């Protein structure tokens, strides 16, 4: 999962990068509204964490601009503004959730998981495709009765694939999910991870759609 943080406080921004990485997320960080808009136009993100008290254009202005342009990714406001009127304004402007600073990182992660479940139409933390199951809370994967050990990048790729089971996921989206701005990416890195997943799941579980991306099938061909 790829997260964009829009936060002008350097200590909090750096802390979020570290904490989210420890929870297995790929996160990138900008400090104001204009770089955030540019990043969202240029790359795929799964969740936006948005501070309201930004320099220049405030977060509420950015939020309204994004929604007016049809950008529908889940947006979670992180702010020190705790008045009911501020919460109402943020939610009415298009935010999906609102969390007041200071907050606990475990709660933030739980809210991120809830947002992405709603986006993908899943009611529970358990994602399934046939005998393949992925628990987004425990970060555990199993195939039938057999637990699977995955690397962090294999896990985030599989999470995206299984959330979109039987649908093609574009290659560019998978790459954006697995790698942030600070990561060095070799030209065949994604293919290597997909190859490793096939070795663990079965070679016919993830199909290549040439020139487009990959599709995880719930029931592999016989």
N, C-alpha and C. Protein backbone atom coordinates (compact mmCIF):
# COMPACT_ATOMS: atom_id res chain seq x y z
N UNK A 1 0.84 -1.19 0.00
CA UNK A 1 0.00 0.00 0.00
C UNK A 1 0.88 1.25 0.00
N UNK A 2 0.53 2.21 -0.84
CA UNK A 2 1.32 3.44 -0.99
C UNK A 2 0.54 4.61 -0.38
N UNK A 3 1.19 5.35 0.49
CA UNK A 3 0.55 6.44 1.23
C UNK A 3 1.30 7.74 0.97
N UNK A 4 0.55 8.82 0.72
CA UNK A 4 1.13 10.15 0.62
C UNK A 4 0.81 10.93 1.88
N UNK A 5 1.84 11.44 2.54
CA UNK A 5 1.69 12.26 3.74
C UNK A 5 1.86 13.72 3.34
N UNK A 6 0.91 14.56 3.73
CA UNK A 6 1.02 16.00 3.52
C UNK A 6 1.03 16.65 4.89
N UNK A 7 2.22 17.01 5.35
CA UNK A 7 2.42 17.47 6.74
C UNK A 7 3.61 18.41 6.78
N UNK A 8 3.41 19.61 7.35
CA UNK A 8 4.51 20.58 7.36
C UNK A 8 5.41 20.47 8.59
N UNK A 9 5.00 19.74 9.61
CA UNK A 9 5.83 19.58 10.81
C UNK A 9 6.92 18.55 10.52
N UNK A 10 8.21 18.94 10.55
CA UNK A 10 9.28 18.00 10.16
C UNK A 10 9.40 16.80 11.10
N UNK A 11 9.18 17.00 12.39
CA UNK A 11 9.28 15.88 13.31
C UNK A 11 8.16 14.88 13.10
N UNK A 12 6.93 15.38 12.94
CA UNK A 12 5.80 14.49 12.74
C UNK A 12 5.90 13.80 11.38
N UNK A 13 6.29 14.55 10.34
CA UNK A 13 6.41 13.94 9.02
C UNK A 13 7.43 12.81 9.02
N UNK A 14 8.60 13.06 9.61
CA UNK A 14 9.62 12.02 9.67
C UNK A 14 9.17 10.84 10.53
N UNK A 15 8.47 11.14 11.61
CA UNK A 15 7.97 10.07 12.47
C UNK A 15 6.94 9.20 11.77
N UNK A 16 6.08 9.83 10.98
CA UNK A 16 5.09 9.05 10.22
C UNK A 16 5.76 8.16 9.18
N UNK A 17 6.76 8.70 8.50
CA UNK A 17 7.49 7.89 7.52
C UNK A 17 8.05 6.64 8.18
N UNK A 18 8.70 6.82 9.34
CA UNK A 18 9.33 5.70 10.03
C UNK A 18 8.28 4.72 10.55
N UNK A 19 7.25 5.26 11.21
CA UNK A 19 6.24 4.39 11.80
C UNK A 19 5.45 3.61 10.77
N UNK A 20 5.08 4.26 9.67
CA UNK A 20 4.31 3.56 8.63
C UNK A 20 5.17 2.51 7.95
N UNK A 21 6.46 2.80 7.77
CA UNK A 21 7.36 1.80 7.17
C UNK A 21 7.46 0.57 8.07
N UNK A 22 7.50 0.78 9.37
CA UNK A 22 7.56 -0.35 10.29
C UNK A 22 6.30 -1.20 10.23
N UNK A 23 5.18 -0.58 9.85
CA UNK A 23 3.92 -1.31 9.69
C UNK A 23 3.76 -1.89 8.29
N UNK A 24 4.79 -1.76 7.47
CA UNK A 24 4.78 -2.39 6.16
C UNK A 24 4.25 -1.53 5.03
N UNK A 25 4.00 -0.23 5.28
CA UNK A 25 3.48 0.65 4.25
C UNK A 25 4.63 1.32 3.49
N UNK A 26 4.35 1.69 2.23
CA UNK A 26 5.26 2.53 1.47
C UNK A 26 4.72 3.95 1.56
N UNK A 27 5.46 4.85 2.16
CA UNK A 27 4.97 6.22 2.37
C UNK A 27 5.92 7.24 1.77
N UNK A 28 5.36 8.31 1.22
CA UNK A 28 6.12 9.46 0.74
C UNK A 28 5.56 10.70 1.42
N UNK A 29 6.39 11.75 1.50
CA UNK A 29 6.05 12.91 2.34
C UNK A 29 6.33 14.19 1.60
N UNK A 30 5.32 15.09 1.58
CA UNK A 30 5.50 16.46 1.11
C UNK A 30 4.98 17.39 2.21
N UNK A 31 5.38 18.68 2.13
CA UNK A 31 5.10 19.59 3.24
C UNK A 31 4.08 20.67 2.91
N UNK A 32 3.55 20.67 1.69
CA UNK A 32 2.58 21.71 1.34
C UNK A 32 1.66 21.20 0.23
N UNK A 33 0.66 22.03 -0.12
CA UNK A 33 -0.41 21.59 -1.01
C UNK A 33 0.05 21.39 -2.45
N UNK A 34 0.83 22.31 -2.99
CA UNK A 34 1.19 22.23 -4.41
C UNK A 34 2.00 20.97 -4.74
N UNK A 35 3.06 20.63 -3.97
CA UNK A 35 3.74 19.36 -4.25
C UNK A 35 2.83 18.15 -4.10
N UNK A 36 1.86 18.22 -3.20
CA UNK A 36 0.92 17.11 -3.04
C UNK A 36 0.09 16.93 -4.30
N UNK A 37 -0.42 18.02 -4.86
CA UNK A 37 -1.20 17.92 -6.10
C UNK A 37 -0.35 17.36 -7.23
N UNK A 38 0.88 17.81 -7.31
CA UNK A 38 1.77 17.31 -8.37
C UNK A 38 2.00 15.81 -8.20
N UNK A 39 2.26 15.36 -6.99
CA UNK A 39 2.51 13.95 -6.74
C UNK A 39 1.29 13.10 -7.09
N UNK A 40 0.11 13.59 -6.76
CA UNK A 40 -1.11 12.83 -7.04
C UNK A 40 -1.42 12.77 -8.53
N UNK A 41 -1.03 13.80 -9.26
CA UNK A 41 -1.20 13.76 -10.71
C UNK A 41 -0.22 12.78 -11.36
N UNK A 42 0.98 12.69 -10.79
CA UNK A 42 2.05 11.94 -11.44
C UNK A 42 2.09 10.46 -11.07
N UNK A 43 1.61 10.11 -9.87
CA UNK A 43 1.78 8.74 -9.40
C UNK A 43 0.51 8.23 -8.72
N UNK A 44 0.49 6.91 -8.51
CA UNK A 44 -0.64 6.28 -7.84
C UNK A 44 -0.38 6.17 -6.34
N UNK A 45 -1.37 6.60 -5.55
CA UNK A 45 -1.34 6.42 -4.10
C UNK A 45 -2.66 5.78 -3.67
N UNK A 46 -2.60 5.04 -2.57
CA UNK A 46 -3.79 4.36 -2.06
C UNK A 46 -4.52 5.16 -1.00
N UNK A 47 -3.78 5.98 -0.23
CA UNK A 47 -4.36 6.77 0.86
C UNK A 47 -3.59 8.08 0.95
N UNK A 48 -4.32 9.16 1.29
CA UNK A 48 -3.71 10.46 1.54
C UNK A 48 -3.92 10.83 3.00
N UNK A 49 -2.82 11.12 3.71
CA UNK A 49 -2.89 11.64 5.08
C UNK A 49 -2.66 13.14 5.00
N UNK A 50 -3.63 13.92 5.43
CA UNK A 50 -3.64 15.36 5.15
C UNK A 50 -3.74 16.19 6.41
N UNK A 51 -2.73 17.03 6.63
CA UNK A 51 -2.79 18.04 7.69
C UNK A 51 -3.60 19.23 7.19
N UNK A 52 -4.30 19.91 8.07
CA UNK A 52 -5.08 21.08 7.66
C UNK A 52 -4.25 22.36 7.72
N UNK A 53 -3.35 22.48 8.70
CA UNK A 53 -2.61 23.72 8.90
C UNK A 53 -1.34 23.79 8.07
N UNK A 54 -1.48 23.78 6.76
CA UNK A 54 -0.33 23.81 5.86
C UNK A 54 0.07 25.24 5.54
N UNK A 55 1.33 25.48 5.20
CA UNK A 55 1.74 26.82 4.77
C UNK A 55 1.15 27.14 3.39
N UNK A 56 0.83 28.40 3.16
CA UNK A 56 0.21 28.76 1.88
C UNK A 56 -1.23 28.28 1.83
N UNK A 57 -1.55 27.46 0.89
CA UNK A 57 -2.89 26.87 0.81
C UNK A 57 -3.08 25.88 1.94
N UNK A 58 -4.19 26.02 2.67
CA UNK A 58 -4.40 25.09 3.77
C UNK A 58 -4.95 23.75 3.26
N UNK A 59 -5.00 22.78 4.17
CA UNK A 59 -5.41 21.44 3.79
C UNK A 59 -6.84 21.35 3.31
N UNK A 60 -7.72 22.16 3.88
CA UNK A 60 -9.12 22.13 3.47
C UNK A 60 -9.27 22.58 2.02
N UNK A 61 -8.51 23.60 1.63
CA UNK A 61 -8.52 24.06 0.24
C UNK A 61 -8.02 22.96 -0.70
N UNK A 62 -6.95 22.29 -0.31
CA UNK A 62 -6.44 21.19 -1.12
C UNK A 62 -7.47 20.07 -1.23
N UNK A 63 -8.09 19.72 -0.13
CA UNK A 63 -9.10 18.67 -0.12
C UNK A 63 -10.24 18.98 -1.10
N UNK A 64 -10.74 20.20 -1.04
CA UNK A 64 -11.83 20.58 -1.94
C UNK A 64 -11.38 20.53 -3.40
N UNK A 65 -10.15 20.97 -3.65
CA UNK A 65 -9.64 20.97 -5.03
C UNK A 65 -9.53 19.53 -5.55
N UNK A 66 -9.04 18.62 -4.73
CA UNK A 66 -8.90 17.24 -5.16
C UNK A 66 -10.26 16.62 -5.47
N UNK A 67 -11.22 16.84 -4.60
CA UNK A 67 -12.54 16.26 -4.84
C UNK A 67 -13.22 16.90 -6.05
N UNK A 68 -13.00 18.18 -6.28
CA UNK A 68 -13.61 18.84 -7.45
C UNK A 68 -13.04 18.29 -8.75
N UNK A 69 -11.82 17.75 -8.71
CA UNK A 69 -11.19 17.18 -9.89
C UNK A 69 -11.49 15.69 -10.04
N UNK A 70 -12.32 15.16 -9.17
CA UNK A 70 -12.70 13.75 -9.27
C UNK A 70 -11.71 12.78 -8.69
N UNK A 71 -10.73 13.27 -7.93
CA UNK A 71 -9.77 12.37 -7.28
C UNK A 71 -10.45 11.74 -6.08
N UNK A 72 -10.61 10.43 -6.13
CA UNK A 72 -11.48 9.78 -5.14
C UNK A 72 -10.73 8.85 -4.18
N UNK A 73 -9.41 8.99 -4.08
CA UNK A 73 -8.70 8.13 -3.13
C UNK A 73 -9.12 8.45 -1.70
N UNK A 74 -9.02 7.48 -0.78
CA UNK A 74 -9.36 7.74 0.61
C UNK A 74 -8.45 8.83 1.21
N UNK A 75 -9.07 9.78 1.89
CA UNK A 75 -8.34 10.89 2.51
C UNK A 75 -8.64 10.92 4.01
N UNK A 76 -7.59 10.85 4.79
CA UNK A 76 -7.69 10.89 6.26
C UNK A 76 -7.03 12.18 6.74
N UNK A 77 -7.80 13.04 7.37
CA UNK A 77 -7.28 14.29 7.92
C UNK A 77 -6.58 14.01 9.25
N UNK A 78 -5.35 14.53 9.38
CA UNK A 78 -4.60 14.48 10.64
C UNK A 78 -4.36 15.93 11.06
N UNK A 79 -4.95 16.35 12.17
CA UNK A 79 -4.89 17.77 12.52
C UNK A 79 -5.00 17.97 14.03
N UNK A 80 -4.53 19.13 14.48
CA UNK A 80 -4.71 19.50 15.88
C UNK A 80 -6.05 20.19 16.12
N UNK A 81 -6.77 20.49 15.05
CA UNK A 81 -8.06 21.17 15.19
C UNK A 81 -9.11 20.17 15.66
N UNK A 82 -9.54 20.33 16.91
CA UNK A 82 -10.43 19.33 17.51
C UNK A 82 -11.86 19.82 17.70
N UNK A 83 -12.19 21.02 17.23
CA UNK A 83 -13.55 21.53 17.38
C UNK A 83 -14.50 20.75 16.48
N UNK A 84 -15.72 20.57 16.94
CA UNK A 84 -16.72 19.84 16.15
C UNK A 84 -16.92 20.51 14.79
N UNK A 85 -16.93 21.85 14.77
CA UNK A 85 -17.14 22.57 13.51
C UNK A 85 -16.04 22.25 12.50
N UNK A 86 -14.79 22.10 12.98
CA UNK A 86 -13.68 21.75 12.08
C UNK A 86 -13.85 20.34 11.53
N UNK A 87 -14.28 19.42 12.39
CA UNK A 87 -14.50 18.04 11.94
C UNK A 87 -15.61 17.98 10.89
N UNK A 88 -16.69 18.71 11.14
CA UNK A 88 -17.79 18.74 10.19
C UNK A 88 -17.34 19.32 8.85
N UNK A 89 -16.57 20.42 8.92
CA UNK A 89 -16.10 21.06 7.68
C UNK A 89 -15.21 20.11 6.89
N UNK A 90 -14.32 19.40 7.57
CA UNK A 90 -13.42 18.48 6.89
C UNK A 90 -14.16 17.32 6.24
N UNK A 91 -15.09 16.73 6.98
CA UNK A 91 -15.85 15.60 6.43
C UNK A 91 -16.77 16.05 5.31
N UNK A 92 -17.39 17.21 5.46
CA UNK A 92 -18.28 17.71 4.40
C UNK A 92 -17.51 18.11 3.15
N UNK A 93 -16.23 18.46 3.31
CA UNK A 93 -15.42 18.82 2.15
C UNK A 93 -14.94 17.60 1.36
N UNK A 94 -15.15 16.41 1.93
CA UNK A 94 -14.80 15.20 1.20
C UNK A 94 -13.84 14.26 1.89
N UNK A 95 -13.42 14.56 3.12
CA UNK A 95 -12.55 13.64 3.84
C UNK A 95 -13.32 12.38 4.21
N UNK A 96 -12.61 11.26 4.26
CA UNK A 96 -13.23 9.99 4.64
C UNK A 96 -13.13 9.71 6.13
N UNK A 97 -12.17 10.36 6.78
CA UNK A 97 -11.98 10.15 8.22
C UNK A 97 -11.23 11.35 8.78
N UNK A 98 -11.23 11.48 10.09
CA UNK A 98 -10.68 12.66 10.76
C UNK A 98 -10.05 12.21 12.07
N UNK A 99 -8.76 12.45 12.24
CA UNK A 99 -8.05 12.01 13.44
C UNK A 99 -7.32 13.21 14.03
N UNK A 100 -7.55 13.44 15.33
CA UNK A 100 -6.99 14.62 16.01
C UNK A 100 -5.62 14.28 16.59
N UNK A 101 -4.66 15.19 16.40
CA UNK A 101 -3.33 15.06 17.00
C UNK A 101 -3.40 15.44 18.48
N UNK A 102 -2.58 14.83 19.33
CA UNK A 102 -1.71 13.69 19.05
C UNK A 102 -2.52 12.39 18.95
N UNK A 103 -2.01 11.44 18.21
CA UNK A 103 -2.73 10.18 18.00
C UNK A 103 -1.76 9.03 18.16
N UNK A 104 -2.32 7.84 18.33
CA UNK A 104 -1.53 6.63 18.46
C UNK A 104 -1.33 6.01 17.08
N UNK A 105 -0.11 5.57 16.78
CA UNK A 105 0.17 5.02 15.47
C UNK A 105 -0.64 3.76 15.19
N UNK A 106 -0.91 2.97 16.22
CA UNK A 106 -1.73 1.77 16.02
C UNK A 106 -3.14 2.15 15.56
N UNK A 107 -3.68 3.22 16.16
CA UNK A 107 -5.01 3.67 15.73
C UNK A 107 -4.97 4.18 14.30
N UNK A 108 -3.93 4.93 13.95
CA UNK A 108 -3.80 5.42 12.58
C UNK A 108 -3.75 4.25 11.60
N UNK A 109 -2.96 3.23 11.90
CA UNK A 109 -2.88 2.07 11.01
C UNK A 109 -4.23 1.37 10.88
N UNK A 110 -4.95 1.26 11.99
CA UNK A 110 -6.27 0.62 11.94
C UNK A 110 -7.24 1.43 11.07
N UNK A 111 -7.17 2.75 11.16
CA UNK A 111 -8.04 3.58 10.34
C UNK A 111 -7.66 3.49 8.86
N UNK A 112 -6.37 3.40 8.57
CA UNK A 112 -5.94 3.23 7.18
C UNK A 112 -6.47 1.91 6.63
N UNK A 113 -6.36 0.85 7.41
CA UNK A 113 -6.88 -0.45 6.96
C UNK A 113 -8.38 -0.38 6.72
N UNK A 114 -9.10 0.29 7.62
CA UNK A 114 -10.55 0.40 7.46
C UNK A 114 -10.91 1.18 6.19
N UNK A 115 -10.18 2.26 5.92
CA UNK A 115 -10.44 3.04 4.72
C UNK A 115 -10.23 2.22 3.46
N UNK A 116 -9.15 1.46 3.42
CA UNK A 116 -8.88 0.68 2.22
C UNK A 116 -9.84 -0.49 2.08
N UNK A 117 -10.30 -1.06 3.19
CA UNK A 117 -11.32 -2.11 3.10
C UNK A 117 -12.59 -1.56 2.48
N UNK A 118 -13.02 -0.39 2.93
CA UNK A 118 -14.24 0.21 2.36
C UNK A 118 -14.06 0.53 0.89
N UNK A 119 -12.87 1.05 0.53
CA UNK A 119 -12.62 1.37 -0.87
C UNK A 119 -12.71 0.13 -1.74
N UNK A 120 -12.17 -1.00 -1.24
CA UNK A 120 -12.14 -2.22 -2.04
C UNK A 120 -13.39 -3.07 -1.86
N UNK A 121 -14.32 -2.61 -1.01
CA UNK A 121 -15.57 -3.35 -0.83
C UNK A 121 -15.45 -4.57 0.05
N UNK A 122 -14.49 -4.57 0.99
CA UNK A 122 -14.31 -5.70 1.90
C UNK A 122 -14.76 -5.30 3.30
N UNK A 123 -15.57 -6.15 3.92
CA UNK A 123 -16.09 -5.82 5.24
C UNK A 123 -15.17 -6.23 6.37
N UNK A 124 -14.26 -7.18 6.11
CA UNK A 124 -13.41 -7.70 7.17
C UNK A 124 -11.94 -7.56 6.76
N UNK A 125 -11.02 -7.74 7.73
CA UNK A 125 -9.59 -7.65 7.41
C UNK A 125 -9.07 -8.84 6.60
N UNK A 126 -9.89 -9.89 6.43
CA UNK A 126 -9.43 -11.09 5.74
C UNK A 126 -9.77 -11.00 4.25
N UNK A 127 -8.73 -11.01 3.42
CA UNK A 127 -8.90 -11.01 1.97
C UNK A 127 -8.69 -12.43 1.47
N UNK A 128 -9.62 -12.91 0.62
CA UNK A 128 -9.54 -14.29 0.17
C UNK A 128 -9.73 -14.37 -1.34
N UNK A 129 -9.04 -15.32 -1.94
CA UNK A 129 -9.21 -15.66 -3.35
C UNK A 129 -9.05 -17.18 -3.44
N UNK A 130 -10.17 -17.88 -3.44
CA UNK A 130 -10.11 -19.33 -3.37
C UNK A 130 -9.48 -19.78 -2.07
N UNK A 131 -8.46 -20.64 -2.15
CA UNK A 131 -7.80 -21.14 -0.94
C UNK A 131 -6.75 -20.18 -0.40
N UNK A 132 -6.51 -19.10 -1.12
CA UNK A 132 -5.50 -18.13 -0.71
C UNK A 132 -6.14 -17.08 0.21
N UNK A 133 -5.53 -16.83 1.36
CA UNK A 133 -6.07 -15.89 2.33
C UNK A 133 -4.96 -14.97 2.85
N UNK A 134 -5.32 -13.69 3.04
CA UNK A 134 -4.37 -12.70 3.56
C UNK A 134 -5.07 -11.89 4.65
N UNK A 135 -4.48 -11.92 5.83
CA UNK A 135 -5.02 -11.18 6.98
C UNK A 135 -4.27 -9.85 7.08
N UNK A 136 -4.97 -8.73 6.83
CA UNK A 136 -4.31 -7.43 6.79
C UNK A 136 -3.96 -6.90 8.17
N UNK A 137 -4.55 -7.44 9.22
CA UNK A 137 -4.20 -7.01 10.59
C UNK A 137 -2.97 -7.76 11.08
N UNK A 138 -3.00 -9.09 10.99
CA UNK A 138 -1.86 -9.90 11.45
C UNK A 138 -0.75 -9.95 10.39
N UNK A 139 -1.06 -9.52 9.17
CA UNK A 139 -0.10 -9.58 8.05
C UNK A 139 0.38 -11.00 7.84
N UNK A 140 -0.58 -11.92 7.85
CA UNK A 140 -0.31 -13.34 7.65
C UNK A 140 -0.97 -13.80 6.35
N UNK A 141 -0.29 -14.71 5.66
CA UNK A 141 -0.79 -15.25 4.40
C UNK A 141 -0.79 -16.77 4.49
N UNK A 142 -1.85 -17.38 3.97
CA UNK A 142 -1.92 -18.84 3.96
C UNK A 142 -2.52 -19.32 2.64
N UNK A 143 -2.13 -20.51 2.25
CA UNK A 143 -2.69 -21.17 1.07
C UNK A 143 -3.24 -22.49 1.54
N UNK A 144 -4.57 -22.57 1.64
CA UNK A 144 -5.18 -23.71 2.31
C UNK A 144 -4.79 -23.71 3.77
N UNK A 145 -4.24 -24.83 4.24
CA UNK A 145 -3.80 -24.92 5.63
C UNK A 145 -2.33 -24.57 5.80
N UNK A 146 -1.68 -24.14 4.72
CA UNK A 146 -0.24 -23.92 4.76
C UNK A 146 0.09 -22.44 4.88
N UNK A 147 0.74 -22.02 5.98
CA UNK A 147 1.17 -20.62 6.08
C UNK A 147 2.32 -20.34 5.11
N UNK A 148 2.33 -19.11 4.58
CA UNK A 148 3.36 -18.71 3.63
C UNK A 148 4.21 -17.60 4.23
N UNK A 149 5.50 -17.67 3.99
CA UNK A 149 6.41 -16.62 4.43
C UNK A 149 6.76 -15.74 3.24
N UNK A 150 6.41 -14.45 3.33
CA UNK A 150 6.64 -13.51 2.24
C UNK A 150 7.57 -12.39 2.71
N UNK A 151 8.34 -11.85 1.78
CA UNK A 151 9.11 -10.65 2.07
C UNK A 151 8.16 -9.47 2.15
N UNK A 152 8.59 -8.34 2.75
CA UNK A 152 7.68 -7.18 2.84
C UNK A 152 7.14 -6.74 1.48
N UNK A 153 7.97 -6.71 0.44
CA UNK A 153 7.47 -6.27 -0.87
C UNK A 153 6.57 -7.32 -1.50
N UNK A 154 6.88 -8.59 -1.30
CA UNK A 154 5.98 -9.62 -1.79
C UNK A 154 4.61 -9.49 -1.14
N UNK A 155 4.60 -9.17 0.15
CA UNK A 155 3.33 -9.02 0.86
C UNK A 155 2.51 -7.87 0.28
N UNK A 156 3.11 -6.69 0.09
CA UNK A 156 2.31 -5.55 -0.38
C UNK A 156 1.83 -5.78 -1.80
N UNK A 157 2.63 -6.46 -2.62
CA UNK A 157 2.17 -6.78 -3.97
C UNK A 157 1.00 -7.75 -3.93
N UNK A 158 1.11 -8.77 -3.10
CA UNK A 158 0.03 -9.74 -2.99
C UNK A 158 -1.23 -9.10 -2.42
N UNK A 159 -1.07 -8.20 -1.47
CA UNK A 159 -2.24 -7.52 -0.90
C UNK A 159 -3.01 -6.77 -1.99
N UNK A 160 -2.30 -6.08 -2.87
CA UNK A 160 -2.97 -5.37 -3.96
C UNK A 160 -3.60 -6.35 -4.94
N UNK A 161 -2.90 -7.42 -5.27
CA UNK A 161 -3.43 -8.39 -6.23
C UNK A 161 -4.67 -9.10 -5.68
N UNK A 162 -4.62 -9.52 -4.43
CA UNK A 162 -5.75 -10.27 -3.88
C UNK A 162 -6.96 -9.37 -3.63
N UNK A 163 -6.70 -8.08 -3.32
CA UNK A 163 -7.83 -7.15 -3.17
C UNK A 163 -8.53 -6.91 -4.51
N UNK A 164 -7.82 -7.19 -5.59
CA UNK A 164 -8.39 -7.03 -6.93
C UNK A 164 -8.43 -8.38 -7.66
N UNK A 165 -8.69 -9.44 -6.92
CA UNK A 165 -8.65 -10.79 -7.48
C UNK A 165 -9.53 -10.90 -8.72
N UNK A 166 -8.99 -11.59 -9.73
CA UNK A 166 -9.66 -11.84 -11.01
C UNK A 166 -9.80 -10.59 -11.87
N UNK A 167 -9.14 -9.50 -11.46
CA UNK A 167 -9.09 -8.29 -12.28
C UNK A 167 -7.62 -7.96 -12.58
N UNK A 168 -7.38 -7.35 -13.70
CA UNK A 168 -6.02 -6.99 -14.08
C UNK A 168 -5.58 -5.76 -13.30
N UNK A 169 -4.42 -5.84 -12.67
CA UNK A 169 -3.84 -4.70 -11.97
C UNK A 169 -2.69 -4.17 -12.84
N UNK A 170 -2.75 -2.92 -13.28
CA UNK A 170 -1.68 -2.40 -14.14
C UNK A 170 -0.31 -2.50 -13.48
N UNK A 171 0.68 -2.74 -14.30
CA UNK A 171 2.05 -2.86 -13.81
C UNK A 171 2.48 -1.60 -13.07
N UNK A 172 2.10 -0.43 -13.61
CA UNK A 172 2.53 0.82 -13.00
C UNK A 172 1.94 0.98 -11.60
N UNK A 173 0.74 0.48 -11.40
CA UNK A 173 0.14 0.57 -10.06
C UNK A 173 0.86 -0.35 -9.08
N UNK A 174 1.19 -1.55 -9.51
CA UNK A 174 1.91 -2.47 -8.63
C UNK A 174 3.27 -1.91 -8.25
N UNK A 175 3.96 -1.33 -9.22
CA UNK A 175 5.27 -0.75 -8.92
C UNK A 175 5.14 0.40 -7.93
N UNK A 176 4.10 1.24 -8.12
CA UNK A 176 3.89 2.36 -7.21
C UNK A 176 3.53 1.88 -5.81
N UNK A 177 2.83 0.76 -5.72
CA UNK A 177 2.46 0.21 -4.41
C UNK A 177 3.68 -0.28 -3.65
N UNK A 178 4.64 -0.85 -4.36
CA UNK A 178 5.78 -1.51 -3.71
C UNK A 178 6.96 -0.60 -3.45
N UNK A 179 7.04 0.54 -4.17
CA UNK A 179 8.23 1.37 -4.07
C UNK A 179 7.88 2.83 -3.83
N UNK A 180 8.61 3.47 -2.91
CA UNK A 180 8.47 4.89 -2.65
C UNK A 180 9.57 5.68 -3.31
N UNK A 181 9.57 7.00 -3.11
CA UNK A 181 10.55 7.88 -3.75
C UNK A 181 11.98 7.59 -3.31
N UNK A 182 12.14 7.11 -2.10
CA UNK A 182 13.49 6.90 -1.57
C UNK A 182 14.09 5.56 -1.98
N UNK A 183 13.29 4.70 -2.61
CA UNK A 183 13.76 3.37 -2.97
C UNK A 183 14.49 3.38 -4.31
N UNK A 184 15.57 2.62 -4.37
CA UNK A 184 16.26 2.40 -5.64
C UNK A 184 15.63 1.18 -6.31
N UNK A 185 15.19 1.35 -7.57
CA UNK A 185 14.44 0.30 -8.24
C UNK A 185 15.23 -0.19 -9.45
N UNK A 186 15.54 -1.47 -9.48
CA UNK A 186 16.15 -2.06 -10.66
C UNK A 186 15.07 -2.31 -11.72
N UNK A 187 15.47 -2.34 -12.98
CA UNK A 187 14.51 -2.39 -14.08
C UNK A 187 13.61 -3.61 -14.03
N UNK A 188 14.11 -4.73 -13.52
CA UNK A 188 13.31 -5.97 -13.49
C UNK A 188 12.84 -6.33 -12.10
N UNK A 189 12.87 -5.37 -11.18
CA UNK A 189 12.57 -5.67 -9.77
C UNK A 189 11.16 -6.24 -9.60
N UNK A 190 10.18 -5.63 -10.26
CA UNK A 190 8.80 -6.10 -10.10
C UNK A 190 8.67 -7.54 -10.61
N UNK A 191 9.27 -7.82 -11.76
CA UNK A 191 9.19 -9.17 -12.32
C UNK A 191 9.81 -10.20 -11.38
N UNK A 192 10.90 -9.81 -10.71
CA UNK A 192 11.55 -10.73 -9.77
C UNK A 192 10.61 -11.06 -8.62
N UNK A 193 9.93 -10.04 -8.07
CA UNK A 193 9.00 -10.28 -6.96
C UNK A 193 7.81 -11.13 -7.41
N UNK A 194 7.29 -10.87 -8.60
CA UNK A 194 6.19 -11.68 -9.11
C UNK A 194 6.64 -13.13 -9.31
N UNK A 195 7.84 -13.30 -9.82
CA UNK A 195 8.39 -14.65 -9.97
C UNK A 195 8.47 -15.37 -8.62
N UNK A 196 8.94 -14.67 -7.60
CA UNK A 196 9.04 -15.28 -6.27
C UNK A 196 7.66 -15.62 -5.72
N UNK A 197 6.68 -14.75 -5.95
CA UNK A 197 5.32 -15.06 -5.50
C UNK A 197 4.77 -16.30 -6.21
N UNK A 198 5.03 -16.40 -7.50
CA UNK A 198 4.56 -17.59 -8.23
C UNK A 198 5.18 -18.87 -7.67
N UNK A 199 6.44 -18.80 -7.28
CA UNK A 199 7.08 -19.98 -6.69
C UNK A 199 6.40 -20.40 -5.40
N UNK A 200 5.85 -19.43 -4.66
CA UNK A 200 5.22 -19.74 -3.38
C UNK A 200 3.73 -20.05 -3.50
N UNK A 201 3.06 -19.44 -4.51
CA UNK A 201 1.62 -19.62 -4.66
C UNK A 201 1.24 -20.67 -5.69
N UNK A 202 2.17 -20.97 -6.58
CA UNK A 202 1.86 -21.81 -7.73
C UNK A 202 1.97 -20.97 -8.99
N UNK A 203 2.58 -21.52 -10.02
CA UNK A 203 2.92 -20.71 -11.20
C UNK A 203 1.71 -20.19 -11.95
N UNK A 204 0.54 -20.84 -11.80
CA UNK A 204 -0.66 -20.41 -12.53
C UNK A 204 -1.57 -19.50 -11.71
N UNK A 205 -1.14 -19.11 -10.53
CA UNK A 205 -1.99 -18.27 -9.67
C UNK A 205 -1.96 -16.81 -10.12
N UNK A 206 -0.81 -16.34 -10.60
CA UNK A 206 -0.69 -14.96 -11.08
C UNK A 206 -0.39 -15.00 -12.57
N UNK A 207 -1.30 -14.46 -13.36
CA UNK A 207 -1.18 -14.47 -14.81
C UNK A 207 -0.65 -13.13 -15.31
N UNK A 208 0.18 -13.18 -16.33
CA UNK A 208 0.69 -11.97 -16.96
C UNK A 208 -0.25 -11.55 -18.09
N UNK A 209 -0.68 -10.31 -18.07
CA UNK A 209 -1.44 -9.73 -19.17
C UNK A 209 -0.46 -8.84 -19.92
N UNK A 210 0.05 -9.34 -21.01
CA UNK A 210 1.19 -8.71 -21.68
C UNK A 210 0.91 -7.26 -22.05
N UNK A 211 1.84 -6.39 -21.68
CA UNK A 211 1.71 -4.98 -22.00
C UNK A 211 0.82 -4.21 -21.05
N UNK A 212 0.19 -4.89 -20.07
CA UNK A 212 -0.74 -4.22 -19.15
C UNK A 212 -0.33 -4.42 -17.69
N UNK A 213 -0.33 -5.67 -17.24
CA UNK A 213 -0.03 -5.91 -15.84
C UNK A 213 -0.21 -7.37 -15.47
N UNK A 214 -0.78 -7.61 -14.29
CA UNK A 214 -0.91 -8.96 -13.76
C UNK A 214 -2.30 -9.16 -13.18
N UNK A 215 -2.72 -10.44 -13.18
CA UNK A 215 -4.04 -10.80 -12.64
C UNK A 215 -3.89 -12.02 -11.75
N UNK A 216 -4.32 -11.89 -10.49
CA UNK A 216 -4.36 -13.02 -9.58
C UNK A 216 -5.71 -13.71 -9.75
N UNK A 217 -5.70 -15.02 -9.98
CA UNK A 217 -6.95 -15.74 -10.21
C UNK A 217 -7.35 -16.49 -8.94
N UNK A 218 -8.65 -16.44 -8.63
CA UNK A 218 -9.14 -17.12 -7.45
C UNK A 218 -8.99 -18.64 -7.57
N UNK A 219 -9.28 -19.16 -8.76
CA UNK A 219 -9.16 -20.59 -9.02
C UNK A 219 -8.23 -20.79 -10.19
N UNK A 220 -6.99 -21.22 -9.94
CA UNK A 220 -6.04 -21.39 -11.05
C UNK A 220 -6.50 -22.47 -12.01
N UNK A 221 -6.11 -22.37 -13.29
CA UNK A 221 -6.53 -23.38 -14.27
C UNK A 221 -5.96 -24.75 -13.92
N UNK A 222 -6.68 -25.82 -14.27
CA UNK A 222 -6.21 -27.17 -13.93
C UNK A 222 -4.96 -27.53 -14.72
